[in-house]
Amino acid sequence: MSQQSVEIVRRFMCADVDEALTYADPEIVWNPIEELPTQGHSAVRASLARWKAEWDDYKVLPEEYEDRGDHVVVTVRLRGRGRGSGIEIDARFYDLYTLRDGRIVRMDQYTDRSEALEAVERDE
């Protein structure tokens, strides 16, 4: 399913929130680096809304998709300008997506690629 997994994650990353969630299990675990893990579609919506509300010119730019079987590691660049502070951000993260039965069941975010790859190895 590996290439199919990459395509599912690519569609998820490029879609608006409602369409993206059609690729995710209703009980998805969402674990962004700046927040505690949450679960479910409504939690993902709330997390994304909170993050976007803090930034102007917010952009999520997937740079690379790495097939790891039932996992996909995505190198993601986040750009934006703080809504209140005007401070600009240009950061790179590594999102680890776990898939089962053609659906995304988990997303864990890391600041270091090696950490994301270690998490894949622990899960195998």
PDB file of N, CA and C in Angstrom:
ATOM      1  N   MET A   1       0.824  -1.196   0.000  1.00  0.00           N
ATOM      2  CA  MET A   1       0.000   0.000   0.000  1.00  0.00           C
ATOM      3  C   MET A   1       0.864   1.253   0.000  1.00  0.00           C
ATOM      4  N   SER A   2       2.145   1.139  -0.020  1.00  0.00           N
ATOM      5  CA  SER A   2       3.028   2.268   0.234  1.00  0.00           C
ATOM      6  C   SER A   2       2.815   3.467  -0.691  1.00  0.00           C
ATOM      7  N   GLN A   3       2.812   3.278  -1.998  1.00  0.00           N
ATOM      8  CA  GLN A   3       2.609   4.431  -2.881  1.00  0.00           C
ATOM      9  C   GLN A   3       1.204   4.996  -2.688  1.00  0.00           C
ATOM     10  N   GLN A   4       0.263   4.129  -2.427  1.00  0.00           N
ATOM     11  CA  GLN A   4      -1.099   4.569  -2.147  1.00  0.00           C
ATOM     12  C   GLN A   4      -1.123   5.418  -0.863  1.00  0.00           C
ATOM     13  N   SER A   5      -0.332   5.013   0.137  1.00  0.00           N
ATOM     14  CA  SER A   5      -0.257   5.786   1.385  1.00  0.00           C
ATOM     15  C   SER A   5       0.255   7.192   1.124  1.00  0.00           C
ATOM     16  N   VAL A   6       1.294   7.299   0.296  1.00  0.00           N
ATOM     17  CA  VAL A   6       1.834   8.617  -0.047  1.00  0.00           C
ATOM     18  C   VAL A   6       0.762   9.464  -0.722  1.00  0.00           C
ATOM     19  N   GLU A   7       0.008   8.884  -1.633  1.00  0.00           N
ATOM     20  CA  GLU A   7      -1.027   9.640  -2.343  1.00  0.00           C
ATOM     21  C   GLU A   7      -2.140  10.088  -1.391  1.00  0.00           C
ATOM     22  N   ILE A   8      -2.526   9.247  -0.457  1.00  0.00           N
ATOM     23  CA  ILE A   8      -3.547   9.623   0.530  1.00  0.00           C
ATOM     24  C   ILE A   8      -3.064  10.814   1.358  1.00  0.00           C
ATOM     25  N   VAL A   9      -1.822  10.761   1.815  1.00  0.00           N
ATOM     26  CA  VAL A   9      -1.278  11.856   2.633  1.00  0.00           C
ATOM     27  C   VAL A   9      -1.131  13.117   1.791  1.00  0.00           C
ATOM     28  N   ARG A  10      -0.714  12.980   0.550  1.00  0.00           N
ATOM     29  CA  ARG A  10      -0.598  14.145  -0.337  1.00  0.00           C
ATOM     30  C   ARG A  10      -1.965  14.827  -0.498  1.00  0.00           C
ATOM     31  N   ARG A  11      -2.988  14.045  -0.732  1.00  0.00           N
ATOM     32  CA  ARG A  11      -4.344  14.620  -0.862  1.00  0.00           C
ATOM     33  C   ARG A  11      -4.773  15.289   0.437  1.00  0.00           C
ATOM     34  N   PHE A  12      -4.499  14.639   1.561  1.00  0.00           N
ATOM     35  CA  PHE A  12      -4.822  15.202   2.868  1.00  0.00           C
ATOM     36  C   PHE A  12      -4.149  16.560   3.055  1.00  0.00           C
ATOM     37  N   MET A  13      -2.876  16.642   2.717  1.00  0.00           N
ATOM     38  CA  MET A  13      -2.093  17.866   2.919  1.00  0.00           C
ATOM     39  C   MET A  13      -2.547  19.011   2.015  1.00  0.00           C
ATOM     40  N   CYS A  14      -3.056  18.692   0.851  1.00  0.00           N
ATOM     41  CA  CYS A  14      -3.376  19.728  -0.142  1.00  0.00           C
ATOM     42  C   CYS A  14      -4.840  20.162  -0.125  1.00  0.00           C
ATOM     43  N   ALA A  15      -5.660  19.508   0.653  1.00  0.00           N
ATOM     44  CA  ALA A  15      -7.096  19.794   0.655  1.00  0.00           C
ATOM     45  C   ALA A  15      -7.471  20.765   1.772  1.00  0.00           C
ATOM     46  N   ASP A  16      -8.676  21.342   1.655  1.00  0.00           N
ATOM     47  CA  ASP A  16      -9.193  22.117   2.784  1.00  0.00           C
ATOM     48  C   ASP A  16      -9.543  21.135   3.905  1.00  0.00           C
ATOM     49  N   VAL A  17      -9.795  21.644   5.083  1.00  0.00           N
ATOM     50  CA  VAL A  17      -9.955  20.791   6.260  1.00  0.00           C
ATOM     51  C   VAL A  17     -11.064  19.758   6.088  1.00  0.00           C
ATOM     52  N   ASP A  18     -12.228  20.169   5.619  1.00  0.00           N
ATOM     53  CA  ASP A  18     -13.338  19.220   5.498  1.00  0.00           C
ATOM     54  C   ASP A  18     -13.015  18.092   4.532  1.00  0.00           C
ATOM     55  N   GLU A  19     -12.433  18.430   3.385  1.00  0.00           N
ATOM     56  CA  GLU A  19     -12.060  17.380   2.433  1.00  0.00           C
ATOM     57  C   GLU A  19     -10.926  16.529   2.988  1.00  0.00           C
ATOM     58  N   ALA A  20      -9.946  17.150   3.626  1.00  0.00           N
ATOM     59  CA  ALA A  20      -8.810  16.414   4.183  1.00  0.00           C
ATOM     60  C   ALA A  20      -9.281  15.347   5.162  1.00  0.00           C
ATOM     61  N   LEU A  21     -10.247  15.686   5.974  1.00  0.00           N
ATOM     62  CA  LEU A  21     -10.697  14.736   6.993  1.00  0.00           C
ATOM     63  C   LEU A  21     -11.388  13.511   6.407  1.00  0.00           C
ATOM     64  N   THR A  22     -11.773  13.556   5.144  1.00  0.00           N
ATOM     65  CA  THR A  22     -12.339  12.356   4.511  1.00  0.00           C
ATOM     66  C   THR A  22     -11.265  11.274   4.351  1.00  0.00           C
ATOM     67  N   TYR A  23      -9.994  11.659   4.410  1.00  0.00           N
ATOM     68  CA  TYR A  23      -8.889  10.700   4.312  1.00  0.00           C
ATOM     69  C   TYR A  23      -8.430  10.203   5.683  1.00  0.00           C
ATOM     70  N   ALA A  24      -9.031  10.729   6.737  1.00  0.00           N
ATOM     71  CA  ALA A  24      -8.622  10.410   8.104  1.00  0.00           C
ATOM     72  C   ALA A  24      -9.686   9.582   8.814  1.00  0.00           C
ATOM     73  N   ASP A  25      -9.226   8.666   9.620  1.00  0.00           N
ATOM     74  CA  ASP A  25     -10.110   7.883  10.466  1.00  0.00           C
ATOM     75  C   ASP A  25     -10.833   8.828  11.432  1.00  0.00           C
ATOM     76  N   PRO A  26     -12.105   8.584  11.732  1.00  0.00           N
ATOM     77  CA  PRO A  26     -12.823   9.466  12.664  1.00  0.00           C
ATOM     78  C   PRO A  26     -12.162   9.585  14.036  1.00  0.00           C
ATOM     79  N   GLU A  27     -11.370   8.593  14.428  1.00  0.00           N
ATOM     80  CA  GLU A  27     -10.689   8.609  15.729  1.00  0.00           C
ATOM     81  C   GLU A  27      -9.206   8.947  15.596  1.00  0.00           C
ATOM     82  N   ILE A  28      -8.833   9.661  14.544  1.00  0.00           N
ATOM     83  CA  ILE A  28      -7.431  10.028  14.315  1.00  0.00           C
ATOM     84  C   ILE A  28      -6.814  10.644  15.565  1.00  0.00           C
ATOM     85  N   VAL A  29      -5.575  10.262  15.843  1.00  0.00           N
ATOM     86  CA  VAL A  29      -4.802  10.889  16.924  1.00  0.00           C
ATOM     87  C   VAL A  29      -3.959  11.972  16.268  1.00  0.00           C
ATOM     88  N   TRP A  30      -4.075  13.192  16.773  1.00  0.00           N
ATOM     89  CA  TRP A  30      -3.415  14.367  16.202  1.00  0.00           C
ATOM     90  C   TRP A  30      -2.431  14.891  17.223  1.00  0.00           C
ATOM     91  N   ASN A  31      -1.137  14.847  16.886  1.00  0.00           N
ATOM     92  CA  ASN A  31      -0.096  15.175  17.855  1.00  0.00           C
ATOM     93  C   ASN A  31       0.878  16.217  17.289  1.00  0.00           C
ATOM     94  N   PRO A  32       0.428  17.480  17.160  1.00  0.00           N
ATOM     95  CA  PRO A  32       1.343  18.530  16.693  1.00  0.00           C
ATOM     96  C   PRO A  32       2.344  18.887  17.791  1.00  0.00           C
ATOM     97  N   ILE A  33       3.471  19.396  17.378  1.00  0.00           N
ATOM     98  CA  ILE A  33       4.581  19.664  18.284  1.00  0.00           C
ATOM     99  C   ILE A  33       4.243  20.697  19.371  1.00  0.00           C
ATOM    100  N   GLU A  34       3.389  21.644  19.067  1.00  0.00           N
ATOM    101  CA  GLU A  34       3.089  22.745  19.997  1.00  0.00           C
ATOM    102  C   GLU A  34       1.902  22.466  20.921  1.00  0.00           C
ATOM    103  N   GLU A  35       1.289  21.291  20.806  1.00  0.00           N
ATOM    104  CA  GLU A  35       0.093  20.998  21.599  1.00  0.00           C
ATOM    105  C   GLU A  35       0.152  19.570  22.131  1.00  0.00           C
ATOM    106  N   LEU A  36      -0.726  19.278  23.078  1.00  0.00           N
ATOM    107  CA  LEU A  36      -0.878  17.908  23.553  1.00  0.00           C
ATOM    108  C   LEU A  36      -1.640  17.099  22.508  1.00  0.00           C
ATOM    109  N   PRO A  37      -1.437  15.790  22.460  1.00  0.00           N
ATOM    110  CA  PRO A  37      -2.180  14.974  21.504  1.00  0.00           C
ATOM    111  C   PRO A  37      -3.686  15.072  21.750  1.00  0.00           C
ATOM    112  N   THR A  38      -4.439  15.066  20.661  1.00  0.00           N
ATOM    113  CA  THR A  38      -5.898  15.064  20.733  1.00  0.00           C
ATOM    114  C   THR A  38      -6.409  13.965  19.809  1.00  0.00           C
ATOM    115  N   GLN A  39      -7.711  13.747  19.844  1.00  0.00           N
ATOM    116  CA  GLN A  39      -8.258  12.649  19.056  1.00  0.00           C
ATOM    117  C   GLN A  39      -9.582  13.044  18.421  1.00  0.00           C
ATOM    118  N   GLY A  40      -9.741  12.677  17.152  1.00  0.00           N
ATOM    119  CA  GLY A  40     -10.996  12.858  16.445  1.00  0.00           C
ATOM    120  C   GLY A  40     -10.989  14.044  15.501  1.00  0.00           C
ATOM    121  N   HIS A  41     -11.929  14.017  14.574  1.00  0.00           N
ATOM    122  CA  HIS A  41     -12.028  15.066  13.559  1.00  0.00           C
ATOM    123  C   HIS A  41     -12.223  16.450  14.165  1.00  0.00           C
ATOM    124  N   SER A  42     -13.072  16.571  15.169  1.00  0.00           N
ATOM    125  CA  SER A  42     -13.323  17.901  15.742  1.00  0.00           C
ATOM    126  C   SER A  42     -12.066  18.440  16.424  1.00  0.00           C
ATOM    127  N   ALA A  43     -11.266  17.572  17.019  1.00  0.00           N
ATOM    128  CA  ALA A  43     -10.020  18.008  17.648  1.00  0.00           C
ATOM    129  C   ALA A  43      -9.023  18.496  16.605  1.00  0.00           C
ATOM    130  N   VAL A  44      -8.964  17.828  15.452  1.00  0.00           N
ATOM    131  CA  VAL A  44      -8.070  18.265  14.374  1.00  0.00           C
ATOM    132  C   VAL A  44      -8.517  19.625  13.866  1.00  0.00           C
ATOM    133  N   ARG A  45      -9.831  19.793  13.650  1.00  0.00           N
ATOM    134  CA  ARG A  45     -10.358  21.097  13.197  1.00  0.00           C
ATOM    135  C   ARG A  45      -9.975  22.202  14.176  1.00  0.00           C
ATOM    136  N   ALA A  46     -10.170  21.950  15.460  1.00  0.00           N
ATOM    137  CA  ALA A  46      -9.889  22.960  16.486  1.00  0.00           C
ATOM    138  C   ALA A  46      -8.394  23.291  16.527  1.00  0.00           C
ATOM    139  N   SER A  47      -7.540  22.289  16.438  1.00  0.00           N
ATOM    140  CA  SER A  47      -6.094  22.509  16.459  1.00  0.00           C
ATOM    141  C   SER A  47      -5.660  23.363  15.277  1.00  0.00           C
ATOM    142  N   LEU A  48      -6.128  23.034  14.088  1.00  0.00           N
ATOM    143  CA  LEU A  48      -5.764  23.795  12.895  1.00  0.00           C
ATOM    144  C   LEU A  48      -6.299  25.221  12.960  1.00  0.00           C
ATOM    145  N   ALA A  49      -7.514  25.379  13.464  1.00  0.00           N
ATOM    146  CA  ALA A  49      -8.100  26.719  13.575  1.00  0.00           C
ATOM    147  C   ALA A  49      -7.299  27.589  14.547  1.00  0.00           C
ATOM    148  N   ARG A  50      -6.888  27.018  15.693  1.00  0.00           N
ATOM    149  CA  ARG A  50      -6.082  27.763  16.669  1.00  0.00           C
ATOM    150  C   ARG A  50      -4.759  28.202  16.042  1.00  0.00           C
ATOM    151  N   TRP A  51      -4.105  27.286  15.345  1.00  0.00           N
ATOM    152  CA  TRP A  51      -2.801  27.598  14.753  1.00  0.00           C
ATOM    153  C   TRP A  51      -2.942  28.689  13.699  1.00  0.00           C
ATOM    154  N   LYS A  52      -3.912  28.544  12.807  1.00  0.00           N
ATOM    155  CA  LYS A  52      -4.099  29.524  11.729  1.00  0.00           C
ATOM    156  C   LYS A  52      -4.505  30.895  12.273  1.00  0.00           C
ATOM    157  N   ALA A  53      -5.221  30.924  13.378  1.00  0.00           N
ATOM    158  CA  ALA A  53      -5.693  32.190  13.948  1.00  0.00           C
ATOM    159  C   ALA A  53      -4.537  33.045  14.471  1.00  0.00           C
ATOM    160  N   GLU A  54      -3.409  32.422  14.751  1.00  0.00           N
ATOM    161  CA  GLU A  54      -2.270  33.152  15.309  1.00  0.00           C
ATOM    162  C   GLU A  54      -1.362  33.763  14.251  1.00  0.00           C
ATOM    163  N   TRP A  55      -1.608  33.455  12.973  1.00  0.00           N
ATOM    164  CA  TRP A  55      -0.685  33.854  11.911  1.00  0.00           C
ATOM    165  C   TRP A  55      -1.392  34.543  10.762  1.00  0.00           C
ATOM    166  N   ASP A  56      -0.718  35.508  10.163  1.00  0.00           N
ATOM    167  CA  ASP A  56      -1.107  36.080   8.873  1.00  0.00           C
ATOM    168  C   ASP A  56      -0.223  35.421   7.818  1.00  0.00           C
ATOM    169  N   ASP A  57      -0.708  35.374   6.606  1.00  0.00           N
ATOM    170  CA  ASP A  57       0.064  34.786   5.505  1.00  0.00           C
ATOM    171  C   ASP A  57       0.579  33.393   5.849  1.00  0.00           C
ATOM    172  N   TYR A  58      -0.252  32.609   6.519  1.00  0.00           N
ATOM    173  CA  TYR A  58       0.099  31.261   6.954  1.00  0.00           C
ATOM    174  C   TYR A  58       0.110  30.314   5.764  1.00  0.00           C
ATOM    175  N   LYS A  59       1.219  29.592   5.596  1.00  0.00           N
ATOM    176  CA  LYS A  59       1.338  28.631   4.503  1.00  0.00           C
ATOM    177  C   LYS A  59       1.979  27.349   5.019  1.00  0.00           C
ATOM    178  N   VAL A  60       1.380  26.226   4.628  1.00  0.00           N
ATOM    179  CA  VAL A  60       1.949  24.914   4.887  1.00  0.00           C
ATOM    180  C   VAL A  60       2.433  24.402   3.543  1.00  0.00           C
ATOM    181  N   LEU A  61       3.735  24.182   3.427  1.00  0.00           N
ATOM    182  CA  LEU A  61       4.329  23.804   2.148  1.00  0.00           C
ATOM    183  C   LEU A  61       4.998  22.433   2.260  1.00  0.00           C
ATOM    184  N   PRO A  62       4.299  21.372   1.841  1.00  0.00           N
ATOM    185  CA  PRO A  62       4.947  20.056   1.848  1.00  0.00           C
ATOM    186  C   PRO A  62       6.099  20.055   0.844  1.00  0.00           C
ATOM    187  N   GLU A  63       7.258  19.610   1.287  1.00  0.00           N
ATOM    188  CA  GLU A  63       8.438  19.602   0.422  1.00  0.00           C
ATOM    189  C   GLU A  63       8.800  18.210  -0.074  1.00  0.00           C
ATOM    190  N   GLU A  64       8.596  17.210   0.767  1.00  0.00           N
ATOM    191  CA  GLU A  64       8.988  15.853   0.383  1.00  0.00           C
ATOM    192  C   GLU A  64       8.110  14.843   1.108  1.00  0.00           C
ATOM    193  N   TYR A  65       7.731  13.798   0.393  1.00  0.00           N
ATOM    194  CA  TYR A  65       6.954  12.692   0.950  1.00  0.00           C
ATOM    195  C   TYR A  65       7.837  11.447   0.907  1.00  0.00           C
ATOM    196  N   GLU A  66       8.002  10.807   2.042  1.00  0.00           N
ATOM    197  CA  GLU A  66       8.860   9.623   2.115  1.00  0.00           C
ATOM    198  C   GLU A  66       8.027   8.404   2.493  1.00  0.00           C
ATOM    199  N   ASP A  67       7.958   7.462   1.577  1.00  0.00           N
ATOM    200  CA  ASP A  67       7.201   6.232   1.761  1.00  0.00           C
ATOM    201  C   ASP A  67       7.910   5.318   2.753  1.00  0.00           C
ATOM    202  N   ARG A  68       7.198   4.948   3.818  1.00  0.00           N
ATOM    203  CA  ARG A  68       7.733   4.013   4.812  1.00  0.00           C
ATOM    204  C   ARG A  68       6.700   2.929   5.096  1.00  0.00           C
ATOM    205  N   GLY A  69       6.064   2.416   4.034  1.00  0.00           N
ATOM    206  CA  GLY A  69       5.059   1.361   4.195  1.00  0.00           C
ATOM    207  C   GLY A  69       3.751   1.929   4.707  1.00  0.00           C
ATOM    208  N   ASP A  70       3.374   1.569   5.922  1.00  0.00           N
ATOM    209  CA  ASP A  70       2.146   2.091   6.534  1.00  0.00           C
ATOM    210  C   ASP A  70       2.361   3.460   7.170  1.00  0.00           C
ATOM    211  N   HIS A  71       3.538   4.034   6.946  1.00  0.00           N
ATOM    212  CA  HIS A  71       3.874   5.356   7.448  1.00  0.00           C
ATOM    213  C   HIS A  71       4.357   6.215   6.284  1.00  0.00           C
ATOM    214  N   VAL A  72       4.106   7.499   6.406  1.00  0.00           N
ATOM    215  CA  VAL A  72       4.630   8.466   5.443  1.00  0.00           C
ATOM    216  C   VAL A  72       5.231   9.605   6.253  1.00  0.00           C
ATOM    217  N   VAL A  73       6.507   9.911   5.967  1.00  0.00           N
ATOM    218  CA  VAL A  73       7.169  11.045   6.606  1.00  0.00           C
ATOM    219  C   VAL A  73       7.128  12.196   5.610  1.00  0.00           C
ATOM    220  N   VAL A  74       6.562  13.315   6.033  1.00  0.00           N
ATOM    221  CA  VAL A  74       6.443  14.486   5.167  1.00  0.00           C
ATOM    222  C   VAL A  74       7.315  15.596   5.735  1.00  0.00           C
ATOM    223  N   THR A  75       8.225  16.096   4.910  1.00  0.00           N
ATOM    224  CA  THR A  75       8.993  17.280   5.274  1.00  0.00           C
ATOM    225  C   THR A  75       8.114  18.473   4.944  1.00  0.00           C
ATOM    226  N   VAL A  76       7.804  19.272   5.963  1.00  0.00           N
ATOM    227  CA  VAL A  76       6.850  20.370   5.822  1.00  0.00           C
ATOM    228  C   VAL A  76       7.526  21.679   6.212  1.00  0.00           C
ATOM    229  N   ARG A  77       7.350  22.672   5.400  1.00  0.00           N
ATOM    230  CA  ARG A  77       7.834  24.012   5.724  1.00  0.00           C
ATOM    231  C   ARG A  77       6.613  24.858   6.085  1.00  0.00           C
ATOM    232  N   LEU A  78       6.687  25.512   7.235  1.00  0.00           N
ATOM    233  CA  LEU A  78       5.616  26.402   7.684  1.00  0.00           C
ATOM    234  C   LEU A  78       6.126  27.828   7.608  1.00  0.00           C
ATOM    235  N   ARG A  79       5.328  28.659   6.972  1.00  0.00           N
ATOM    236  CA  ARG A  79       5.670  30.080   6.875  1.00  0.00           C
ATOM    237  C   ARG A  79       4.485  30.911   7.313  1.00  0.00           C
ATOM    238  N   GLY A  80       4.785  32.028   7.940  1.00  0.00           N
ATOM    239  CA  GLY A  80       3.726  32.934   8.360  1.00  0.00           C
ATOM    240  C   GLY A  80       4.310  34.120   9.095  1.00  0.00           C
ATOM    241  N   ARG A  81       3.417  35.036   9.446  1.00  0.00           N
ATOM    242  CA  ARG A  81       3.790  36.231  10.212  1.00  0.00           C
ATOM    243  C   ARG A  81       2.834  36.315  11.393  1.00  0.00           C
ATOM    244  N   GLY A  82       3.402  36.446  12.592  1.00  0.00           N
ATOM    245  CA  GLY A  82       2.591  36.507  13.795  1.00  0.00           C
ATOM    246  C   GLY A  82       1.558  37.622  13.715  1.00  0.00           C
ATOM    247  N   ARG A  83       0.321  37.289  13.967  1.00  0.00           N
ATOM    248  CA  ARG A  83      -0.774  38.251  13.855  1.00  0.00           C
ATOM    249  C   ARG A  83      -0.572  39.434  14.788  1.00  0.00           C
ATOM    250  N   GLY A  84      -0.165  39.212  16.004  1.00  0.00           N
ATOM    251  CA  GLY A  84       0.028  40.313  16.941  1.00  0.00           C
ATOM    252  C   GLY A  84       1.427  40.893  16.916  1.00  0.00           C
ATOM    253  N   SER A  85       2.408  40.036  16.740  1.00  0.00           N
ATOM    254  CA  SER A  85       3.803  40.467  16.861  1.00  0.00           C
ATOM    255  C   SER A  85       4.426  40.929  15.548  1.00  0.00           C
ATOM    256  N   GLY A  86       3.929  40.415  14.434  1.00  0.00           N
ATOM    257  CA  GLY A  86       4.532  40.713  13.147  1.00  0.00           C
ATOM    258  C   GLY A  86       5.799  39.911  12.886  1.00  0.00           C
ATOM    259  N   ILE A  87       6.180  39.072  13.845  1.00  0.00           N
ATOM    260  CA  ILE A  87       7.379  38.239  13.684  1.00  0.00           C
ATOM    261  C   ILE A  87       7.108  37.172  12.629  1.00  0.00           C
ATOM    262  N   GLU A  88       8.075  36.999  11.733  1.00  0.00           N
ATOM    263  CA  GLU A  88       7.930  36.012  10.673  1.00  0.00           C
ATOM    264  C   GLU A  88       8.512  34.680  11.108  1.00  0.00           C
ATOM    265  N   ILE A  89       7.856  33.619  10.652  1.00  0.00           N
ATOM    266  CA  ILE A  89       8.322  32.263  10.917  1.00  0.00           C
ATOM    267  C   ILE A  89       8.578  31.585   9.582  1.00  0.00           C
ATOM    268  N   ASP A  90       9.633  30.835   9.544  1.00  0.00           N
ATOM    269  CA  ASP A  90       9.956  29.976   8.405  1.00  0.00           C
ATOM    270  C   ASP A  90      10.606  28.754   9.025  1.00  0.00           C
ATOM    271  N   ALA A  91       9.802  27.736   9.288  1.00  0.00           N
ATOM    272  CA  ALA A  91      10.272  26.574  10.039  1.00  0.00           C
ATOM    273  C   ALA A  91      10.017  25.294   9.269  1.00  0.00           C
ATOM    274  N   ARG A  92      10.831  24.310   9.534  1.00  0.00           N
ATOM    275  CA  ARG A  92      10.677  23.007   8.903  1.00  0.00           C
ATOM    276  C   ARG A  92      10.336  21.994   9.993  1.00  0.00           C
ATOM    277  N   PHE A  93       9.322  21.186   9.702  1.00  0.00           N
ATOM    278  CA  PHE A  93       8.895  20.113  10.592  1.00  0.00           C
ATOM    279  C   PHE A  93       8.831  18.819   9.802  1.00  0.00           C
ATOM    280  N   TYR A  94       8.725  17.726  10.534  1.00  0.00           N
ATOM    281  CA  TYR A  94       8.626  16.405   9.924  1.00  0.00           C
ATOM    282  C   TYR A  94       7.383  15.740  10.492  1.00  0.00           C
ATOM    283  N   ASP A  95       6.370  15.619   9.642  1.00  0.00           N
ATOM    284  CA  ASP A  95       5.106  15.020  10.053  1.00  0.00           C
ATOM    285  C   ASP A  95       5.139  13.539   9.723  1.00  0.00           C
ATOM    286  N   LEU A  96       4.841  12.718  10.710  1.00  0.00           N
ATOM    287  CA  LEU A  96       4.779  11.278  10.524  1.00  0.00           C
ATOM    288  C   LEU A  96       3.310  10.861  10.534  1.00  0.00           C
ATOM    289  N   TYR A  97       2.853  10.400   9.386  1.00  0.00           N
ATOM    290  CA  TYR A  97       1.475   9.919   9.247  1.00  0.00           C
ATOM    291  C   TYR A  97       1.473   8.402   9.297  1.00  0.00           C
ATOM    292  N   THR A  98       0.567   7.852  10.086  1.00  0.00           N
ATOM    293  CA  THR A  98       0.377   6.409  10.174  1.00  0.00           C
ATOM    294  C   THR A  98      -0.968   6.090   9.535  1.00  0.00           C
ATOM    295  N   LEU A  99      -0.962   5.085   8.654  1.00  0.00           N
ATOM    296  CA  LEU A  99      -2.179   4.703   7.934  1.00  0.00           C
ATOM    297  C   LEU A  99      -2.532   3.249   8.218  1.00  0.00           C
ATOM    298  N   ARG A 100      -3.824   3.000   8.257  1.00  0.00           N
ATOM    299  CA  ARG A 100      -4.349   1.639   8.364  1.00  0.00           C
ATOM    300  C   ARG A 100      -5.600   1.570   7.496  1.00  0.00           C
ATOM    301  N   ASP A 101      -5.672   0.525   6.709  1.00  0.00           N
ATOM    302  CA  ASP A 101      -6.832   0.305   5.833  1.00  0.00           C
ATOM    303  C   ASP A 101      -7.137   1.522   4.973  1.00  0.00           C
ATOM    304  N   GLY A 102      -6.089   2.191   4.477  1.00  0.00           N
ATOM    305  CA  GLY A 102      -6.265   3.311   3.563  1.00  0.00           C
ATOM    306  C   GLY A 102      -6.718   4.608   4.210  1.00  0.00           C
ATOM    307  N   ARG A 103      -6.637   4.694   5.526  1.00  0.00           N
ATOM    308  CA  ARG A 103      -7.028   5.912   6.247  1.00  0.00           C
ATOM    309  C   ARG A 103      -5.902   6.360   7.171  1.00  0.00           C
ATOM    310  N   ILE A 104      -5.787   7.665   7.357  1.00  0.00           N
ATOM    311  CA  ILE A 104      -4.804   8.208   8.296  1.00  0.00           C
ATOM    312  C   ILE A 104      -5.362   8.037   9.702  1.00  0.00           C
ATOM    313  N   VAL A 105      -4.612   7.344  10.552  1.00  0.00           N
ATOM    314  CA  VAL A 105      -5.062   7.100  11.925  1.00  0.00           C
ATOM    315  C   VAL A 105      -4.271   7.909  12.951  1.00  0.00           C
ATOM    316  N   ARG A 106      -3.138   8.488  12.500  1.00  0.00           N
ATOM    317  CA  ARG A 106      -2.305   9.228  13.452  1.00  0.00           C
ATOM    318  C   ARG A 106      -1.377  10.173  12.709  1.00  0.00           C
ATOM    319  N   MET A 107      -1.128  11.349  13.327  1.00  0.00           N
ATOM    320  CA  MET A 107      -0.114  12.277  12.840  1.00  0.00           C
ATOM    321  C   MET A 107       0.697  12.718  14.053  1.00  0.00           C
ATOM    322  N   ASP A 108       2.013  12.512  13.961  1.00  0.00           N
ATOM    323  CA  ASP A 108       2.948  12.965  14.991  1.00  0.00           C
ATOM    324  C   ASP A 108       3.926  13.914  14.317  1.00  0.00           C
ATOM    325  N   GLN A 109       4.198  15.030  14.962  1.00  0.00           N
ATOM    326  CA  GLN A 109       5.068  16.052  14.368  1.00  0.00           C
ATOM    327  C   GLN A 109       6.381  16.126  15.147  1.00  0.00           C
ATOM    328  N   TYR A 110       7.480  16.258  14.397  1.00  0.00           N
ATOM    329  CA  TYR A 110       8.819  16.311  14.977  1.00  0.00           C
ATOM    330  C   TYR A 110       9.592  17.491  14.388  1.00  0.00           C
ATOM    331  N   THR A 111      10.577  17.953  15.142  1.00  0.00           N
ATOM    332  CA  THR A 111      11.438  19.011  14.622  1.00  0.00           C
ATOM    333  C   THR A 111      12.675  18.437  13.948  1.00  0.00           C
ATOM    334  N   ASP A 112      12.913  17.163  14.124  1.00  0.00           N
ATOM    335  CA  ASP A 112      14.096  16.517  13.563  1.00  0.00           C
ATOM    336  C   ASP A 112      13.678  15.281  12.773  1.00  0.00           C
ATOM    337  N   ARG A 113      14.172  15.153  11.557  1.00  0.00           N
ATOM    338  CA  ARG A 113      13.819  14.032  10.689  1.00  0.00           C
ATOM    339  C   ARG A 113      14.191  12.696  11.335  1.00  0.00           C
ATOM    340  N   SER A 114      15.348  12.639  11.986  1.00  0.00           N
ATOM    341  CA  SER A 114      15.791  11.383  12.597  1.00  0.00           C
ATOM    342  C   SER A 114      14.805  10.910  13.672  1.00  0.00           C
ATOM    343  N   GLU A 115      14.185  11.835  14.392  1.00  0.00           N
ATOM    344  CA  GLU A 115      13.185  11.455  15.394  1.00  0.00           C
ATOM    345  C   GLU A 115      11.972  10.815  14.727  1.00  0.00           C
ATOM    346  N   ALA A 116      11.538  11.363  13.607  1.00  0.00           N
ATOM    347  CA  ALA A 116      10.402  10.794  12.884  1.00  0.00           C
ATOM    348  C   ALA A 116      10.735   9.387  12.391  1.00  0.00           C
ATOM    349  N   LEU A 117      11.940   9.204  11.865  1.00  0.00           N
ATOM    350  CA  LEU A 117      12.339   7.886  11.371  1.00  0.00           C
ATOM    351  C   LEU A 117      12.489   6.881  12.504  1.00  0.00           C
ATOM    352  N   GLU A 118      12.982   7.321  13.657  1.00  0.00           N
ATOM    353  CA  GLU A 118      13.074   6.441  14.828  1.00  0.00           C
ATOM    354  C   GLU A 118      11.679   5.990  15.276  1.00  0.00           C
ATOM    355  N   ALA A 119      10.717   6.892  15.209  1.00  0.00           N
ATOM    356  CA  ALA A 119       9.342   6.541  15.585  1.00  0.00           C
ATOM    357  C   ALA A 119       8.783   5.490  14.635  1.00  0.00           C
ATOM    358  N   VAL A 120       9.111   5.571  13.355  1.00  0.00           N
ATOM    359  CA  VAL A 120       8.667   4.548  12.400  1.00  0.00           C
ATOM    360  C   VAL A 120       9.260   3.205  12.793  1.00  0.00           C
ATOM    361  N   GLU A 121      10.549   3.166  13.088  1.00  0.00           N
ATOM    362  CA  GLU A 121      11.211   1.924  13.457  1.00  0.00           C
ATOM    363  C   GLU A 121      10.617   1.317  14.727  1.00  0.00           C
ATOM    364  N   ARG A 122      10.271   2.157  15.702  1.00  0.00           N
ATOM    365  CA  ARG A 122       9.678   1.651  16.948  1.00  0.00           C
ATOM    366  C   ARG A 122       8.313   1.042  16.691  1.00  0.00           C
ATOM    367  N   ASP A 123       7.608   1.532  15.685  1.00  0.00           N
ATOM    368  CA  ASP A 123       6.244   1.079  15.411  1.00  0.00           C
ATOM    369  C   ASP A 123       6.200  -0.176  14.534  1.00  0.00           C
ATOM    370  N   GLU A 124       7.320  -0.521  13.928  1.00  0.00           N
ATOM    371  CA  GLU A 124       7.331  -1.680  13.019  1.00  0.00           C
ATOM    372  C   GLU A 124       7.385  -2.982  13.760  1.00  0.00           C
TER     373      GLU A 124
END
